[in-house]
Amino acid sequence: MHLFFYHPEELSKSPFQIFRFWDGLSSFGGLLGGIVAAVVFFRIRKLRFNDYADSFALGVAPAWAVARLGCFAVHDHPGRLTDFFLAVQFPNGNRHDLGFYDAIVLFSITGLLYALRDAPKLKGRLLPLLALLYAVSRFCLDFLRATDLSYVDARYFGLTPAQYGSLMLVVYGVWGLLRKQAASASAQKPPTSQGRVETAR
């Protein structure tokens, strides 16, 4: 993800650049890899992913938040120049630090998910909720990313790769929440007279 979408210009350095994973990582690349690994694992074990989706949400959100503290520690997500009170001093002026903002967002979402984890209406829906909340915040925050530095994320029609990833997460989040609502509604629907006749038989 880092090479092919964020910084494709690096591929011209060497054909082996793709193996130099220490040169750059992408959280959305990690997310995609995690999804593929989860699909393979649950298929091999013949388990239902939905039975574990809430646990994924409660584990992924705080882990991602801690990872963003690492991004903040090395300031590898510089934003635009600003006088905002949370700005971080960079060599050429104060800037938004997107790693810091992302950590704040993810810790806030973590707190919300843990507060709502026992809510009956959200059983089995925490992962889509996480996806929707994070995607909306990430889509908005990426407009603050720096464009005036020598090493910045690629833009495609004015949007970063992460913003396109966020749009896909929004689709999943909305679909997951609506799908679960429909399932809950059908489960609570009283049986029809036909159903009662069949049961009696």
Protein backbone atom coordinates (compact mmCIF):
# COMPACT_ATOMS: atom_id res chain seq x y z
CA MET A 1 0.00 0.00 0.00
CA HIS A 2 2.77 2.42 0.94
CA LEU A 3 4.67 1.86 -2.29
CA PHE A 4 1.95 1.36 -4.86
CA PHE A 5 -0.48 4.00 -3.64
CA TYR A 6 1.17 6.50 -1.27
CA HIS A 7 4.64 6.78 -2.82
CA PRO A 8 4.80 5.02 -6.22
CA GLU A 9 7.83 7.14 -7.12
CA GLU A 10 9.93 4.96 -4.79
CA LEU A 11 9.49 1.97 -7.09
CA SER A 12 11.92 3.58 -9.50
CA LYS A 13 14.76 3.25 -7.00
CA SER A 14 15.10 -0.52 -7.22
CA PRO A 15 13.00 -3.57 -8.16
CA PHE A 16 13.67 -4.85 -4.64
CA GLN A 17 12.19 -1.75 -3.00
CA ILE A 18 8.99 -3.66 -2.28
CA PHE A 19 10.90 -5.85 0.21
CA ARG A 20 12.23 -2.85 2.16
CA PHE A 21 9.18 -2.70 4.42
CA TRP A 22 11.09 -0.65 6.98
CA ASP A 23 11.13 2.29 4.55
CA GLY A 24 7.42 2.89 5.03
CA LEU A 25 4.21 1.29 6.23
CA SER A 26 0.53 2.00 5.72
CA SER A 27 -2.15 1.43 8.36
CA PHE A 28 -4.67 0.69 5.61
CA GLY A 29 -2.21 -1.84 4.19
CA GLY A 30 -2.05 -3.47 7.61
CA LEU A 31 -5.85 -3.41 7.80
CA LEU A 32 -6.15 -5.08 4.40
CA GLY A 33 -3.58 -7.72 5.38
CA GLY A 34 -5.45 -8.35 8.63
CA ILE A 35 -8.72 -8.82 6.78
CA VAL A 36 -7.17 -11.36 4.39
CA ALA A 37 -5.57 -13.23 7.29
CA ALA A 38 -8.87 -13.25 9.22
CA VAL A 39 -10.79 -14.59 6.22
CA VAL A 40 -8.29 -17.41 5.76
CA PHE A 41 -8.19 -18.24 9.48
CA PHE A 42 -11.97 -18.32 9.95
CA ARG A 43 -12.47 -20.41 6.82
CA ILE A 44 -9.87 -22.95 7.91
CA ARG A 45 -11.31 -23.15 11.43
CA LYS A 46 -14.89 -23.10 10.06
CA LEU A 47 -15.89 -20.34 12.46
CA ARG A 48 -18.42 -17.55 12.01
CA PHE A 49 -16.66 -14.18 11.87
CA ASN A 50 -19.73 -12.36 13.16
CA ASP A 51 -19.45 -14.26 16.45
CA TYR A 52 -16.10 -12.56 17.08
CA ALA A 53 -16.65 -9.19 15.39
CA ASP A 54 -17.26 -7.29 18.65
CA SER A 55 -14.06 -8.69 20.14
CA PHE A 56 -12.17 -7.52 17.06
CA ALA A 57 -13.56 -4.02 17.48
CA LEU A 58 -12.66 -3.86 21.18
CA GLY A 59 -9.11 -5.02 20.40
CA VAL A 60 -8.38 -3.18 17.16
CA ALA A 61 -9.44 0.30 18.31
CA PRO A 62 -7.06 0.64 21.30
CA ALA A 63 -4.23 -1.15 19.48
CA TRP A 64 -4.54 1.25 16.54
CA ALA A 65 -4.58 4.17 18.97
CA VAL A 66 -1.34 3.03 20.61
CA ALA A 67 0.23 2.56 17.18
CA ARG A 68 -0.68 6.15 16.35
CA LEU A 69 1.21 7.29 19.43
CA GLY A 70 4.26 5.80 17.72
CA CYS A 71 3.47 7.89 14.64
CA PHE A 72 3.22 10.94 16.87
CA ALA A 73 6.52 10.14 18.59
CA VAL A 74 8.42 10.31 15.30
CA HIS A 75 6.12 12.92 13.69
CA ASP A 76 5.83 11.06 10.40
CA HIS A 77 2.41 12.48 9.51
CA PRO A 78 3.02 16.24 9.25
CA GLY A 79 0.08 18.44 8.46
CA ARG A 80 -0.36 21.95 7.18
CA LEU A 81 1.18 24.98 8.84
CA THR A 82 -1.11 26.28 11.58
CA ASP A 83 -1.45 28.31 14.78
CA PHE A 84 -3.79 25.69 16.29
CA PHE A 85 -3.10 25.15 20.00
CA LEU A 86 -2.36 21.43 19.46
CA ALA A 87 0.19 22.17 16.73
CA VAL A 88 3.66 20.62 16.92
CA GLN A 89 6.83 22.53 16.14
CA PHE A 90 8.53 21.31 12.96
CA PRO A 91 11.78 22.72 11.50
CA ASN A 92 9.87 25.08 9.20
CA GLY A 93 7.08 26.08 11.57
CA ASN A 94 4.17 24.79 13.64
CA ARG A 95 2.09 22.13 11.94
CA HIS A 96 -0.83 19.83 12.59
CA ASP A 97 0.41 16.39 13.61
CA LEU A 98 -1.97 13.86 12.11
CA GLY A 99 -0.52 10.99 14.13
CA PHE A 100 -1.46 12.82 17.33
CA TYR A 101 -4.96 13.68 16.09
CA ASP A 102 -5.54 10.10 14.94
CA ALA A 103 -4.51 8.79 18.37
CA ILE A 104 -6.97 11.16 20.06
CA VAL A 105 -9.75 10.01 17.74
CA LEU A 106 -9.02 6.32 18.23
CA PHE A 107 -8.74 6.56 22.03
CA SER A 108 -12.08 8.42 22.03
CA ILE A 109 -13.68 5.75 19.86
CA THR A 110 -12.22 3.08 22.14
CA GLY A 111 -13.85 4.68 25.16
CA LEU A 112 -17.17 4.88 23.33
CA LEU A 113 -17.04 1.24 22.19
CA TYR A 114 -16.30 0.00 25.71
CA ALA A 115 -19.11 2.16 27.10
CA LEU A 116 -21.56 0.71 24.58
CA ARG A 117 -20.32 -2.89 24.49
CA ASP A 118 -23.19 -4.20 26.65
CA ALA A 119 -25.94 -2.25 24.88
CA PRO A 120 -28.37 -4.87 23.51
CA LYS A 121 -28.97 -2.99 20.26
CA LEU A 122 -25.23 -2.89 19.50
CA LYS A 123 -24.48 -6.57 20.00
CA GLY A 124 -22.62 -7.73 16.92
CA ARG A 125 -22.45 -4.18 15.53
CA LEU A 126 -19.37 -2.72 17.21
CA LEU A 127 -17.04 -3.43 14.28
CA PRO A 128 -19.20 -1.62 11.71
CA LEU A 129 -19.58 1.22 14.22
CA LEU A 130 -15.80 1.43 14.62
CA ALA A 131 -15.34 1.41 10.85
CA LEU A 132 -17.89 4.18 10.34
CA LEU A 133 -16.64 6.47 13.13
CA TYR A 134 -12.97 6.11 12.22
CA ALA A 135 -13.56 6.44 8.48
CA VAL A 136 -15.48 9.71 8.81
CA SER A 137 -12.85 11.23 11.11
CA ARG A 138 -9.92 10.01 8.98
CA PHE A 139 -11.50 11.29 5.78
CA CYS A 140 -11.85 14.76 7.30
CA LEU A 141 -8.43 14.81 9.00
CA ASP A 142 -6.59 13.92 5.80
CA PHE A 143 -7.52 17.32 4.37
CA LEU A 144 -5.08 18.72 6.94
CA ARG A 145 -2.10 16.76 5.57
CA ALA A 146 0.85 18.74 4.31
CA THR A 147 1.14 19.41 0.60
CA ASP A 148 4.11 21.80 0.71
CA LEU A 149 6.83 19.33 1.71
CA SER A 150 9.13 17.26 -0.49
CA TYR A 151 7.77 13.92 0.73
CA VAL A 152 3.97 13.91 0.90
CA ASP A 153 1.24 11.38 0.25
CA ALA A 154 0.10 11.02 -3.35
CA ARG A 155 -3.22 12.58 -4.29
CA TYR A 156 -5.69 11.07 -6.73
CA PHE A 157 -8.34 13.55 -7.88
CA GLY A 158 -7.53 15.60 -4.80
CA LEU A 159 -7.90 12.77 -2.28
CA THR A 160 -5.30 10.65 -0.46
CA PRO A 161 -5.31 6.84 -0.68
CA ALA A 162 -6.51 6.76 2.94
CA GLN A 163 -9.54 8.85 2.02
CA TYR A 164 -10.53 6.31 -0.62
CA GLY A 165 -10.00 3.58 1.98
CA SER A 166 -12.18 5.57 4.37
CA LEU A 167 -14.99 5.67 1.80
CA MET A 168 -14.89 1.87 1.60
CA LEU A 169 -15.00 1.66 5.40
CA VAL A 170 -18.04 3.94 5.40
CA VAL A 171 -19.80 1.58 2.99
CA TYR A 172 -18.94 -1.40 5.20
CA GLY A 173 -19.99 0.44 8.36
CA VAL A 174 -23.36 1.54 7.01
CA TRP A 175 -23.99 -1.89 5.47
CA GLY A 176 -23.04 -3.65 8.70
CA LEU A 177 -25.24 -1.48 10.89
CA LEU A 178 -28.25 -1.67 8.58
CA ARG A 179 -27.79 -5.40 8.04
CA LYS A 180 -27.74 -6.08 11.75
CA GLN A 181 -30.81 -3.90 12.26
CA ALA A 182 -32.71 -5.85 9.62
CA ALA A 183 -31.66 -9.14 11.20
CA SER A 184 -32.77 -7.97 14.65
CA ALA A 185 -36.11 -6.75 13.32
CA SER A 186 -36.86 -10.05 11.60
CA ALA A 187 -35.83 -11.98 14.70
CA GLN A 188 -38.26 -9.99 16.89
CA LYS A 189 -41.15 -10.15 14.41
CA PRO A 190 -44.03 -12.22 15.83
CA PRO A 191 -44.91 -15.41 13.95
CA THR A 192 -47.74 -15.24 11.41
CA SER A 193 -50.86 -17.35 11.68
CA GLN A 194 -49.40 -19.64 9.03
CA GLY A 195 -46.29 -20.04 11.18
CA ARG A 196 -48.39 -20.94 14.21
CA VAL A 197 -50.31 -23.53 12.21
CA GLU A 198 -47.06 -25.09 11.02
CA THR A 199 -45.70 -25.12 14.58
CA ALA A 200 -48.85 -26.81 15.87
CA ARG A 201 -48.55 -29.51 13.27
